[in-house]
Every structure is written in C-alpha cells, then in structure tokens.
Amino acid sequence: MPARILDGKALALQVRKDVASEVARLKAGSGIVPGLTVVLVGDNPASQVYVRNKQRACEAAGMRGTIERLTADVSEATLLATIDRLNADPTVHGILVQLPLPPQIDERAVLERIDPWKDVDGFHPVNVGLLTIGHPRFVPCTPLGIKEMLIHAGVETRGAHAVILGRSNIVGKPMALLLAQKGVGGDATVTLCHTATRDPAAEARRADILIAAIGRAEQVRADWIKPGAVVIDVGMNRRSDGTLCGDVHYPSAAEVASLITPVPGGVGPMTVAMLLRSTLRAAEAKRA
C-alpha cells in the first residue's frame, strides 16, 4: 500500500491561523505587535524569495515584518553594527540573519552577536545549550516543524529508532537533540549519520523514522527504507529540467514507507510557521 502523505502545508496553515489569533490577543491586551526583522546580505535570488515569503507570512499573521538589506560587499563591522541596532530596538522581537553569508563575514561571529532572547532561529550558543540540557527556549525552525508534524500525525517516537542523514547545525544536530528529549515527540533512540558514516544505507534501513537532510537530489531510494518507516525529506534540490525534488526518491520510497513528506509542500511550510510562532513567543517573553 502506498504511503500516506504528511501534509506540511495543511498543518502550517493551521499553525499560522493559531498564531494570528494569539497575535491579535497580545495586541488587544498589551498593545505589543510582534516584530521580526530579517537581515539579507547580497542579492542571491533564492534568499530573496525566502526572505520575501517570511515577510509576507508575518504580515498575514498581523505581525510586523521588515527586511534589512545590505550589499554583498558589506563589511563584517557594518553587519555587526546593524545587529547591535536591532538588538536595542524594542519593536524588534525576532532577528534572523539569512544564510549563507559572503566569504568576508564570519558567520559564527554574526550569529553570536544576536541577542539570545531575539534569536528566533535558535542558532545562538545560549539557545543551543538550553536545547542540549533539555530546557529549550528557541529551537531551529526546521527541526521544530518536523517534531510538530510527527506529533500531529500521531507518530510514536518513544522507543522508536530515528536515523538522521546529515549533521548540520541547522537541521541534523538539533533534530537529534529534539528527538532525544524526554516527553511528547521525543524519547527516541537516535542515530546521526554524516560523511564519515561507513554505510549510511544500512543505518537508514534500521530506522522507524528516517529524516533525510543531506542536500543530494533523490539519493535515498526504496532500498534505504525499512518497510513501514516514516520518511521525512528535508531536501530541496533542482533537477536539470528545473523541477524541484528532495533528498528522497519519492516514487520508489512511497511504495515502502508508511508516511512520507512531499517536496515541495512538506517540511518547508512548517519551517516558516515555526518561525512565526517563535517570534510570537519572543514578544510574549519581552512582555513578561
């Protein structure tokens, strides 16, 4: 039987609707309008699309969404000064620096400059540390969205074997930490695969929950997947004909898995929805 689709788009719409309702209540009760500022360096077309979509999502939820645009040749000092200004601005509750950054910029220095209470992307060492010790405050939005999808779909994570393909700081590592947390959506046994893993296909075949975040078009095929596994595809790749695909070969994987996310329409919409929720939480924390 073909796999059921984990529809991230539909769930994201519900999350965004709930966020909009909470934003309206916050405005009515305190006059606070949650504000997100995205810092965009350079003119990368894909980044511009992502940033514009985030701004529109903010506005649709009744939040303030602004973009700080800097040229590709901006100095690190100027970028850090921009972040300092946003840190001090009481109308800005969330700051997101769109990655990647130009080579003259030290990405780590930039991410560490953001106020941890405005770090809605969850990349600041303070927030990474809180996640690691089991007291998460802000968590990277893609892993957070995946956890939400698993919970909503009724996927049992407690005692399950989860295999994550990819150890990035954006997806792989925080996803492993989330799945290992105590409580709903956690308590899984986690294997984190990376470029030095000797046989990633063999590891993947052991997974009850398989999360692919390797950035290689359609590498994960049906023979990587245990029958009945839940497959989450984080990849977003472009084929030679211009069409989009994930890291998983969807047609073959869907014949083996029990649940699978499509690309597009799976993980991506949930990432934006979680960003809005985190910005709302940052505004609520400021009020408190």
C-alpha atoms as a PDB file:
ATOM      1  CA  MET A   1       0.000   0.000   0.000  1.00  0.00           C
ATOM      2  CA  PRO A   2       1.432   3.426  -0.962  1.00  0.00           C
ATOM      3  CA  ALA A   3       2.476   5.688   1.890  1.00  0.00           C
ATOM      4  CA  ARG A   4       0.168   8.309   3.313  1.00  0.00           C
ATOM      5  CA  ILE A   5       1.334  11.875   2.755  1.00  0.00           C
ATOM      6  CA  LEU A   6       2.434  14.004   5.690  1.00  0.00           C
ATOM      7  CA  ASP A   7       0.971  17.292   4.504  1.00  0.00           C
ATOM      8  CA  GLY A   8       3.114  20.038   5.979  1.00  0.00           C
ATOM      9  CA  LYS A   9       1.294  22.724   4.029  1.00  0.00           C
ATOM     10  CA  ALA A  10      -2.071  22.000   5.626  1.00  0.00           C
ATOM     11  CA  LEU A  11      -0.642  21.823   9.151  1.00  0.00           C
ATOM     12  CA  ALA A  12       1.353  25.017   8.595  1.00  0.00           C
ATOM     13  CA  LEU A  13      -1.820  26.869   7.610  1.00  0.00           C
ATOM     14  CA  GLN A  14      -3.454  25.788  10.872  1.00  0.00           C
ATOM     15  CA  VAL A  15      -0.400  26.841  12.914  1.00  0.00           C
ATOM     16  CA  ARG A  16      -0.340  30.221  11.188  1.00  0.00           C
ATOM     17  CA  LYS A  17      -4.043  30.681  11.870  1.00  0.00           C
ATOM     18  CA  ASP A  18      -3.484  29.918  15.561  1.00  0.00           C
ATOM     19  CA  VAL A  19      -0.524  32.315  15.686  1.00  0.00           C
ATOM     20  CA  ALA A  20      -2.620  35.081  14.119  1.00  0.00           C
ATOM     21  CA  SER A  21      -5.272  34.605  16.806  1.00  0.00           C
ATOM     22  CA  GLU A  22      -2.662  34.800  19.579  1.00  0.00           C
ATOM     23  CA  VAL A  23      -1.088  37.882  17.979  1.00  0.00           C
ATOM     24  CA  ALA A  24      -4.485  39.595  17.981  1.00  0.00           C
ATOM     25  CA  ARG A  25      -4.967  38.790  21.666  1.00  0.00           C
ATOM     26  CA  LEU A  26      -1.485  40.076  22.513  1.00  0.00           C
ATOM     27  CA  LYS A  27      -2.178  43.333  20.669  1.00  0.00           C
ATOM     28  CA  ALA A  28      -5.533  43.788  22.383  1.00  0.00           C
ATOM     29  CA  GLY A  29      -4.161  43.061  25.839  1.00  0.00           C
ATOM     30  CA  SER A  30      -0.862  44.906  25.746  1.00  0.00           C
ATOM     31  CA  GLY A  31      -0.545  46.876  22.519  1.00  0.00           C
ATOM     32  CA  ILE A  32       2.533  44.831  21.595  1.00  0.00           C
ATOM     33  CA  VAL A  33       2.890  43.934  17.914  1.00  0.00           C
ATOM     34  CA  PRO A  34       5.395  41.084  17.459  1.00  0.00           C
ATOM     35  CA  GLY A  35       8.140  42.191  15.093  1.00  0.00           C
ATOM     36  CA  LEU A  36      10.550  40.116  13.023  1.00  0.00           C
ATOM     37  CA  THR A  37      13.468  41.623  11.125  1.00  0.00           C
ATOM     38  CA  VAL A  38      15.312  39.558   8.535  1.00  0.00           C
ATOM     39  CA  VAL A  39      18.812  40.692   7.602  1.00  0.00           C
ATOM     40  CA  LEU A  40      19.563  39.946   3.955  1.00  0.00           C
ATOM     41  CA  VAL A  41      23.126  40.340   2.702  1.00  0.00           C
ATOM     42  CA  GLY A  42      23.623  40.374  -1.058  1.00  0.00           C
ATOM     43  CA  ASP A  43      21.215  39.633  -3.882  1.00  0.00           C
ATOM     44  CA  ASN A  44      21.058  35.838  -4.007  1.00  0.00           C
ATOM     45  CA  PRO A  45      17.778  35.125  -5.858  1.00  0.00           C
ATOM     46  CA  ALA A  46      16.797  32.145  -3.702  1.00  0.00           C
ATOM     47  CA  SER A  47      17.477  34.065  -0.490  1.00  0.00           C
ATOM     48  CA  GLN A  48      15.423  36.985  -1.737  1.00  0.00           C
ATOM     49  CA  VAL A  49      12.460  34.677  -2.346  1.00  0.00           C
ATOM     50  CA  TYR A  50      12.782  33.083   1.104  1.00  0.00           C
ATOM     51  CA  VAL A  51      13.002  36.462   2.812  1.00  0.00           C
ATOM     52  CA  ARG A  52      10.058  37.903   0.923  1.00  0.00           C
ATOM     53  CA  ASN A  53       7.943  34.879   1.836  1.00  0.00           C
ATOM     54  CA  LYS A  54       8.827  35.306   5.512  1.00  0.00           C
ATOM     55  CA  GLN A  55       7.876  38.977   5.400  1.00  0.00           C
ATOM     56  CA  ARG A  56       4.517  38.186   3.807  1.00  0.00           C
ATOM     57  CA  ALA A  57       3.851  35.449   6.351  1.00  0.00           C
ATOM     58  CA  CYS A  58       4.486  37.932   9.180  1.00  0.00           C
ATOM     59  CA  GLU A  59       2.100  40.464   7.712  1.00  0.00           C
ATOM     60  CA  ALA A  60      -0.581  37.820   7.165  1.00  0.00           C
ATOM     61  CA  ALA A  61      -0.354  36.900  10.860  1.00  0.00           C
ATOM     62  CA  GLY A  62      -0.742  40.523  11.951  1.00  0.00           C
ATOM     63  CA  MET A  63       2.929  40.847  12.853  1.00  0.00           C
ATOM     64  CA  ARG A  64       5.491  43.426  11.800  1.00  0.00           C
ATOM     65  CA  GLY A  65       7.880  42.010   9.218  1.00  0.00           C
ATOM     66  CA  THR A  66      10.818  44.098   7.995  1.00  0.00           C
ATOM     67  CA  ILE A  67      13.900  43.453   5.899  1.00  0.00           C
ATOM     68  CA  GLU A  68      17.350  44.957   6.429  1.00  0.00           C
ATOM     69  CA  ARG A  69      19.105  44.815   3.047  1.00  0.00           C
ATOM     70  CA  LEU A  70      22.883  45.043   2.883  1.00  0.00           C
ATOM     71  CA  THR A  71      25.129  44.790  -0.162  1.00  0.00           C
ATOM     72  CA  ALA A  72      27.198  41.670  -0.824  1.00  0.00           C
ATOM     73  CA  ASP A  73      30.440  43.605  -0.179  1.00  0.00           C
ATOM     74  CA  VAL A  74      29.338  44.856   3.255  1.00  0.00           C
ATOM     75  CA  SER A  75      31.994  44.725   5.954  1.00  0.00           C
ATOM     76  CA  GLU A  76      31.621  42.486   8.969  1.00  0.00           C
ATOM     77  CA  ALA A  77      31.780  45.565  11.216  1.00  0.00           C
ATOM     78  CA  THR A  78      28.815  47.139   9.434  1.00  0.00           C
ATOM     79  CA  LEU A  79      26.775  43.946   9.682  1.00  0.00           C
ATOM     80  CA  LEU A  80      27.553  43.607  13.395  1.00  0.00           C
ATOM     81  CA  ALA A  81      26.573  47.246  13.940  1.00  0.00           C
ATOM     82  CA  THR A  82      23.254  46.539  12.210  1.00  0.00           C
ATOM     83  CA  ILE A  83      22.620  43.641  14.574  1.00  0.00           C
ATOM     84  CA  ASP A  84      23.524  45.810  17.581  1.00  0.00           C
ATOM     85  CA  ARG A  85      20.931  48.355  16.447  1.00  0.00           C
ATOM     86  CA  LEU A  86      18.255  45.679  16.073  1.00  0.00           C
ATOM     87  CA  ASN A  87      19.146  44.211  19.471  1.00  0.00           C
ATOM     88  CA  ALA A  88      18.459  47.617  21.015  1.00  0.00           C
ATOM     89  CA  ASP A  89      15.195  48.238  19.113  1.00  0.00           C
ATOM     90  CA  PRO A  90      12.206  47.429  21.382  1.00  0.00           C
ATOM     91  CA  THR A  91       9.898  46.968  18.396  1.00  0.00           C
ATOM     92  CA  VAL A  92      12.050  44.106  17.080  1.00  0.00           C
ATOM     93  CA  HIS A  93      11.370  40.850  18.936  1.00  0.00           C
ATOM     94  CA  GLY A  94      12.981  38.442  16.498  1.00  0.00           C
ATOM     95  CA  ILE A  95      16.151  38.749  14.406  1.00  0.00           C
ATOM     96  CA  LEU A  96      17.015  36.353  11.603  1.00  0.00           C
ATOM     97  CA  VAL A  97      20.166  36.621   9.504  1.00  0.00           C
ATOM     98  CA  GLN A  98      19.587  34.892   6.178  1.00  0.00           C
ATOM     99  CA  LEU A  99      22.324  32.378   5.413  1.00  0.00           C
ATOM    100  CA  PRO A 100      24.682  31.849   3.671  1.00  0.00           C
ATOM    101  CA  LEU A 101      26.777  34.973   4.181  1.00  0.00           C
ATOM    102  CA  PRO A 102      29.538  36.310   1.871  1.00  0.00           C
ATOM    103  CA  PRO A 103      33.069  34.971   2.465  1.00  0.00           C
ATOM    104  CA  GLN A 104      34.347  38.165   4.142  1.00  0.00           C
ATOM    105  CA  ILE A 105      31.855  37.655   7.004  1.00  0.00           C
ATOM    106  CA  ASP A 106      32.485  35.356   9.961  1.00  0.00           C
ATOM    107  CA  GLU A 107      29.118  33.580  10.239  1.00  0.00           C
ATOM    108  CA  ARG A 108      29.765  32.453  13.798  1.00  0.00           C
ATOM    109  CA  ALA A 109      30.568  35.983  14.969  1.00  0.00           C
ATOM    110  CA  VAL A 110      27.335  37.241  13.422  1.00  0.00           C
ATOM    111  CA  LEU A 111      25.094  34.566  14.944  1.00  0.00           C
ATOM    112  CA  GLU A 112      26.690  35.020  18.363  1.00  0.00           C
ATOM    113  CA  ARG A 113      26.078  38.802  18.203  1.00  0.00           C
ATOM    114  CA  ILE A 114      22.284  38.378  18.130  1.00  0.00           C
ATOM    115  CA  ASP A 115      20.555  38.844  21.494  1.00  0.00           C
ATOM    116  CA  PRO A 116      19.686  35.273  22.626  1.00  0.00           C
ATOM    117  CA  TRP A 117      16.180  36.499  23.524  1.00  0.00           C
ATOM    118  CA  LYS A 118      15.703  37.657  19.911  1.00  0.00           C
ATOM    119  CA  ASP A 119      17.381  34.632  18.332  1.00  0.00           C
ATOM    120  CA  VAL A 120      14.185  33.092  16.917  1.00  0.00           C
ATOM    121  CA  ASP A 121      16.288  30.871  14.624  1.00  0.00           C
ATOM    122  CA  GLY A 122      17.775  29.144  17.673  1.00  0.00           C
ATOM    123  CA  PHE A 123      21.395  29.312  16.495  1.00  0.00           C
ATOM    124  CA  HIS A 124      22.945  31.315  19.362  1.00  0.00           C
ATOM    125  CA  PRO A 125      25.191  29.180  21.623  1.00  0.00           C
ATOM    126  CA  VAL A 126      22.970  30.021  24.619  1.00  0.00           C
ATOM    127  CA  ASN A 127      19.892  28.609  22.893  1.00  0.00           C
ATOM    128  CA  VAL A 128      21.815  25.611  21.563  1.00  0.00           C
ATOM    129  CA  GLY A 129      22.986  24.942  25.110  1.00  0.00           C
ATOM    130  CA  LEU A 130      19.468  25.191  26.535  1.00  0.00           C
ATOM    131  CA  LEU A 131      18.271  22.652  23.972  1.00  0.00           C
ATOM    132  CA  THR A 132      21.164  20.355  24.800  1.00  0.00           C
ATOM    133  CA  ILE A 133      20.375  20.268  28.525  1.00  0.00           C
ATOM    134  CA  GLY A 134      16.671  19.706  27.918  1.00  0.00           C
ATOM    135  CA  HIS A 135      15.312  23.213  28.551  1.00  0.00           C
ATOM    136  CA  PRO A 136      14.748  24.573  25.020  1.00  0.00           C
ATOM    137  CA  ARG A 137      13.833  28.214  24.531  1.00  0.00           C
ATOM    138  CA  PHE A 138      14.272  28.925  20.815  1.00  0.00           C
ATOM    139  CA  VAL A 139      14.920  25.947  18.529  1.00  0.00           C
ATOM    140  CA  PRO A 140      15.909  25.910  14.849  1.00  0.00           C
ATOM    141  CA  CYS A 141      12.645  26.136  12.936  1.00  0.00           C
ATOM    142  CA  THR A 142      13.000  23.201  10.541  1.00  0.00           C
ATOM    143  CA  PRO A 143      13.589  20.537  13.236  1.00  0.00           C
ATOM    144  CA  LEU A 144      10.874  22.130  15.364  1.00  0.00           C
ATOM    145  CA  GLY A 145       8.457  21.905  12.439  1.00  0.00           C
ATOM    146  CA  ILE A 146       9.338  18.248  11.858  1.00  0.00           C
ATOM    147  CA  LYS A 147       8.662  17.425  15.506  1.00  0.00           C
ATOM    148  CA  GLU A 148       5.298  19.178  15.237  1.00  0.00           C
ATOM    149  CA  MET A 149       4.442  17.145  12.134  1.00  0.00           C
ATOM    150  CA  LEU A 150       5.307  13.862  13.847  1.00  0.00           C
ATOM    151  CA  ILE A 151       3.179  14.721  16.875  1.00  0.00           C
ATOM    152  CA  HIS A 152       0.235  15.859  14.760  1.00  0.00           C
ATOM    153  CA  ALA A 153       0.372  12.663  12.668  1.00  0.00           C
ATOM    154  CA  GLY A 154       0.372  10.507  15.792  1.00  0.00           C
ATOM    155  CA  VAL A 155       3.798   9.011  15.083  1.00  0.00           C
ATOM    156  CA  GLU A 156       5.068   7.220  18.179  1.00  0.00           C
ATOM    157  CA  THR A 157       8.588   8.451  18.866  1.00  0.00           C
ATOM    158  CA  ARG A 158       9.011   6.937  22.319  1.00  0.00           C
ATOM    159  CA  GLY A 159      11.338   3.952  21.940  1.00  0.00           C
ATOM    160  CA  ALA A 160      11.467   4.374  18.158  1.00  0.00           C
ATOM    161  CA  HIS A 161      14.741   4.238  16.284  1.00  0.00           C
ATOM    162  CA  ALA A 162      15.255   7.516  14.425  1.00  0.00           C
ATOM    163  CA  VAL A 163      18.017   7.847  11.836  1.00  0.00           C
ATOM    164  CA  ILE A 164      19.047  11.306  10.651  1.00  0.00           C
ATOM    165  CA  LEU A 165      21.075  11.658   7.471  1.00  0.00           C
ATOM    166  CA  GLY A 166      23.129  14.857   7.853  1.00  0.00           C
ATOM    167  CA  ARG A 167      24.720  16.552  10.876  1.00  0.00           C
ATOM    168  CA  SER A 168      24.273  20.256  10.081  1.00  0.00           C
ATOM    169  CA  ASN A 169      23.769  22.777  12.869  1.00  0.00           C
ATOM    170  CA  ILE A 170      20.571  23.883  11.129  1.00  0.00           C
ATOM    171  CA  VAL A 171      18.803  20.515  10.881  1.00  0.00           C
ATOM    172  CA  GLY A 172      20.694  17.337  11.793  1.00  0.00           C
ATOM    173  CA  LYS A 173      22.149  18.099  15.219  1.00  0.00           C
ATOM    174  CA  PRO A 174      19.148  19.974  16.671  1.00  0.00           C
ATOM    175  CA  MET A 175      16.796  17.316  15.240  1.00  0.00           C
ATOM    176  CA  ALA A 176      18.757  14.641  17.083  1.00  0.00           C
ATOM    177  CA  LEU A 177      18.526  16.615  20.318  1.00  0.00           C
ATOM    178  CA  LEU A 178      14.780  17.166  19.936  1.00  0.00           C
ATOM    179  CA  LEU A 179      14.055  13.506  19.279  1.00  0.00           C
ATOM    180  CA  ALA A 180      16.144  12.507  22.300  1.00  0.00           C
ATOM    181  CA  GLN A 181      14.332  14.913  24.664  1.00  0.00           C
ATOM    182  CA  LYS A 182      12.030  13.477  27.304  1.00  0.00           C
ATOM    183  CA  GLY A 183       8.327  13.820  26.598  1.00  0.00           C
ATOM    184  CA  VAL A 184       5.914  14.008  23.685  1.00  0.00           C
ATOM    185  CA  GLY A 185       7.691  13.883  20.341  1.00  0.00           C
ATOM    186  CA  GLY A 186      10.883  12.657  21.989  1.00  0.00           C
ATOM    187  CA  ASP A 187      12.284   9.644  23.853  1.00  0.00           C
ATOM    188  CA  ALA A 188      13.605   8.177  20.594  1.00  0.00           C
ATOM    189  CA  THR A 189      16.873   6.325  20.129  1.00  0.00           C
ATOM    190  CA  VAL A 190      18.787   8.419  17.604  1.00  0.00           C
ATOM    191  CA  THR A 191      21.492   7.601  15.063  1.00  0.00           C
ATOM    192  CA  LEU A 192      23.117  10.613  13.388  1.00  0.00           C
ATOM    193  CA  CYS A 193      24.802   9.818  10.074  1.00  0.00           C
ATOM    194  CA  HIS A 194      27.339  12.028   8.284  1.00  0.00           C
ATOM    195  CA  THR A 195      30.015  11.976   5.587  1.00  0.00           C
ATOM    196  CA  ALA A 196      32.221   9.588   7.569  1.00  0.00           C
ATOM    197  CA  THR A 197      29.449   7.052   8.232  1.00  0.00           C
ATOM    198  CA  ARG A 198      30.629   3.813   6.635  1.00  0.00           C
ATOM    199  CA  ASP A 199      27.309   2.516   5.327  1.00  0.00           C
ATOM    200  CA  PRO A 200      24.541   5.123   5.598  1.00  0.00           C
ATOM    201  CA  ALA A 201      22.119   2.982   3.597  1.00  0.00           C
ATOM    202  CA  ALA A 202      22.445   0.159   6.137  1.00  0.00           C
ATOM    203  CA  GLU A 203      21.871   2.596   9.002  1.00  0.00           C
ATOM    204  CA  ALA A 204      18.848   4.061   7.214  1.00  0.00           C
ATOM    205  CA  ARG A 205      17.285   0.615   6.765  1.00  0.00           C
ATOM    206  CA  ARG A 206      17.168   0.235  10.561  1.00  0.00           C
ATOM    207  CA  ALA A 207      15.071   3.374  11.026  1.00  0.00           C
ATOM    208  CA  ASP A 208      11.480   3.548  12.206  1.00  0.00           C
ATOM    209  CA  ILE A 209      11.746   7.261  11.471  1.00  0.00           C
ATOM    210  CA  LEU A 210      14.120   8.350   8.693  1.00  0.00           C
ATOM    211  CA  ILE A 211      14.990  12.027   8.265  1.00  0.00           C
ATOM    212  CA  ALA A 212      16.984  12.934   5.163  1.00  0.00           C
ATOM    213  CA  ALA A 213      18.855  16.255   5.222  1.00  0.00           C
ATOM    214  CA  ILE A 214      21.914  15.676   3.043  1.00  0.00           C
ATOM    215  CA  GLY A 215      21.385  18.060   0.119  1.00  0.00           C
ATOM    216  CA  ARG A 216      21.759  15.407  -2.589  1.00  0.00           C
ATOM    217  CA  ALA A 217      18.932  15.031  -5.053  1.00  0.00           C
ATOM    218  CA  GLU A 218      16.973  11.781  -4.695  1.00  0.00           C
ATOM    219  CA  GLN A 219      19.868   9.844  -3.173  1.00  0.00           C
ATOM    220  CA  VAL A 220      17.664   7.947  -0.714  1.00  0.00           C
ATOM    221  CA  ARG A 221      15.924   5.163  -2.636  1.00  0.00           C
ATOM    222  CA  ALA A 222      13.455   2.481  -1.659  1.00  0.00           C
ATOM    223  CA  ASP A 223      16.238   0.060  -0.707  1.00  0.00           C
ATOM    224  CA  TRP A 224      17.356   2.508   2.002  1.00  0.00           C
ATOM    225  CA  ILE A 225      13.969   2.318   3.735  1.00  0.00           C
ATOM    226  CA  LYS A 226      12.562  -0.239   6.164  1.00  0.00           C
ATOM    227  CA  PRO A 227       9.011  -1.260   5.186  1.00  0.00           C
ATOM    228  CA  GLY A 228       6.540   0.845   7.134  1.00  0.00           C
ATOM    229  CA  ALA A 229       9.032   3.524   8.165  1.00  0.00           C
ATOM    230  CA  VAL A 230       8.120   7.202   8.432  1.00  0.00           C
ATOM    231  CA  VAL A 231      10.184   9.228   5.953  1.00  0.00           C
ATOM    232  CA  ILE A 232      10.815  12.964   6.377  1.00  0.00           C
ATOM    233  CA  ASP A 233      12.507  14.646   3.412  1.00  0.00           C
ATOM    234  CA  VAL A 234      14.191  17.942   4.296  1.00  0.00           C
ATOM    235  CA  GLY A 235      15.957  18.316   0.940  1.00  0.00           C
ATOM    236  CA  MET A 236      15.157  20.932  -1.675  1.00  0.00           C
ATOM    237  CA  ASN A 237      17.068  20.360  -4.897  1.00  0.00           C
ATOM    238  CA  ARG A 238      16.580  21.368  -8.507  1.00  0.00           C
ATOM    239  CA  ARG A 239      16.821  18.813 -11.298  1.00  0.00           C
ATOM    240  CA  SER A 240      18.429  19.585 -14.657  1.00  0.00           C
ATOM    241  CA  ASP A 241      14.946  20.239 -16.115  1.00  0.00           C
ATOM    242  CA  GLY A 242      14.263  22.883 -13.450  1.00  0.00           C
ATOM    243  CA  THR A 243      11.791  20.846 -11.383  1.00  0.00           C
ATOM    244  CA  LEU A 244      12.178  20.520  -7.621  1.00  0.00           C
ATOM    245  CA  CYS A 245      12.897  17.342  -5.710  1.00  0.00           C
ATOM    246  CA  GLY A 246      14.041  16.268  -2.274  1.00  0.00           C
ATOM    247  CA  ASP A 247      16.838  14.072  -0.989  1.00  0.00           C
ATOM    248  CA  VAL A 248      14.475  11.087  -1.229  1.00  0.00           C
ATOM    249  CA  HIS A 249      13.370   9.448  -4.481  1.00  0.00           C
ATOM    250  CA  TYR A 250       9.686   9.941  -3.769  1.00  0.00           C
ATOM    251  CA  PRO A 251       8.082   7.476  -6.243  1.00  0.00           C
ATOM    252  CA  SER A 252      10.024   4.450  -5.005  1.00  0.00           C
ATOM    253  CA  ALA A 253      10.124   5.487  -1.330  1.00  0.00           C
ATOM    254  CA  ALA A 254       6.351   5.985  -1.235  1.00  0.00           C
ATOM    255  CA  GLU A 255       5.884   2.310  -2.109  1.00  0.00           C
ATOM    256  CA  VAL A 256       7.775   1.231   1.031  1.00  0.00           C
ATOM    257  CA  ALA A 257       7.159   3.889   3.693  1.00  0.00           C
ATOM    258  CA  SER A 258       4.002   4.240   5.790  1.00  0.00           C
ATOM    259  CA  LEU A 259       4.163   8.056   5.912  1.00  0.00           C
ATOM    260  CA  ILE A 260       6.209  10.402   3.738  1.00  0.00           C
ATOM    261  CA  THR A 261       6.591  14.136   3.232  1.00  0.00           C
ATOM    262  CA  PRO A 262       6.346  15.534  -0.294  1.00  0.00           C
ATOM    263  CA  VAL A 263       8.737  18.079  -1.827  1.00  0.00           C
ATOM    264  CA  PRO A 264       7.581  20.780  -2.073  1.00  0.00           C
ATOM    265  CA  GLY A 265       4.718  21.035   0.408  1.00  0.00           C
ATOM    266  CA  GLY A 266       6.204  19.017   3.265  1.00  0.00           C
ATOM    267  CA  VAL A 267       8.781  20.411   5.671  1.00  0.00           C
ATOM    268  CA  GLY A 268       9.219  23.855   4.063  1.00  0.00           C
ATOM    269  CA  PRO A 269       5.863  25.414   5.028  1.00  0.00           C
ATOM    270  CA  MET A 270       6.298  24.228   8.621  1.00  0.00           C
ATOM    271  CA  THR A 271       9.651  25.985   8.877  1.00  0.00           C
ATOM    272  CA  VAL A 272       8.000  29.342   8.201  1.00  0.00           C
ATOM    273  CA  ALA A 273       5.110  28.558  10.560  1.00  0.00           C
ATOM    274  CA  MET A 274       7.527  27.751  13.399  1.00  0.00           C
ATOM    275  CA  LEU A 275       9.408  30.993  12.753  1.00  0.00           C
ATOM    276  CA  LEU A 276       6.187  32.947  13.267  1.00  0.00           C
ATOM    277  CA  ARG A 277       5.398  31.027  16.440  1.00  0.00           C
ATOM    278  CA  SER A 278       8.896  31.645  17.816  1.00  0.00           C
ATOM    279  CA  THR A 279       8.635  35.380  17.082  1.00  0.00           C
ATOM    280  CA  LEU A 280       5.319  35.486  18.933  1.00  0.00           C
ATOM    281  CA  ARG A 281       6.944  33.699  21.892  1.00  0.00           C
ATOM    282  CA  ALA A 282       9.795  36.207  21.865  1.00  0.00           C
ATOM    283  CA  ALA A 283       7.297  39.070  22.026  1.00  0.00           C
ATOM    284  CA  GLU A 284       5.455  37.382  24.893  1.00  0.00           C
ATOM    285  CA  ALA A 285       8.743  36.911  26.741  1.00  0.00           C
ATOM    286  CA  LYS A 286       9.525  40.602  26.285  1.00  0.00           C
ATOM    287  CA  ARG A 287       6.159  41.495  27.762  1.00  0.00           C
ATOM    288  CA  ALA A 288       6.775  39.201  30.754  1.00  0.00           C
END
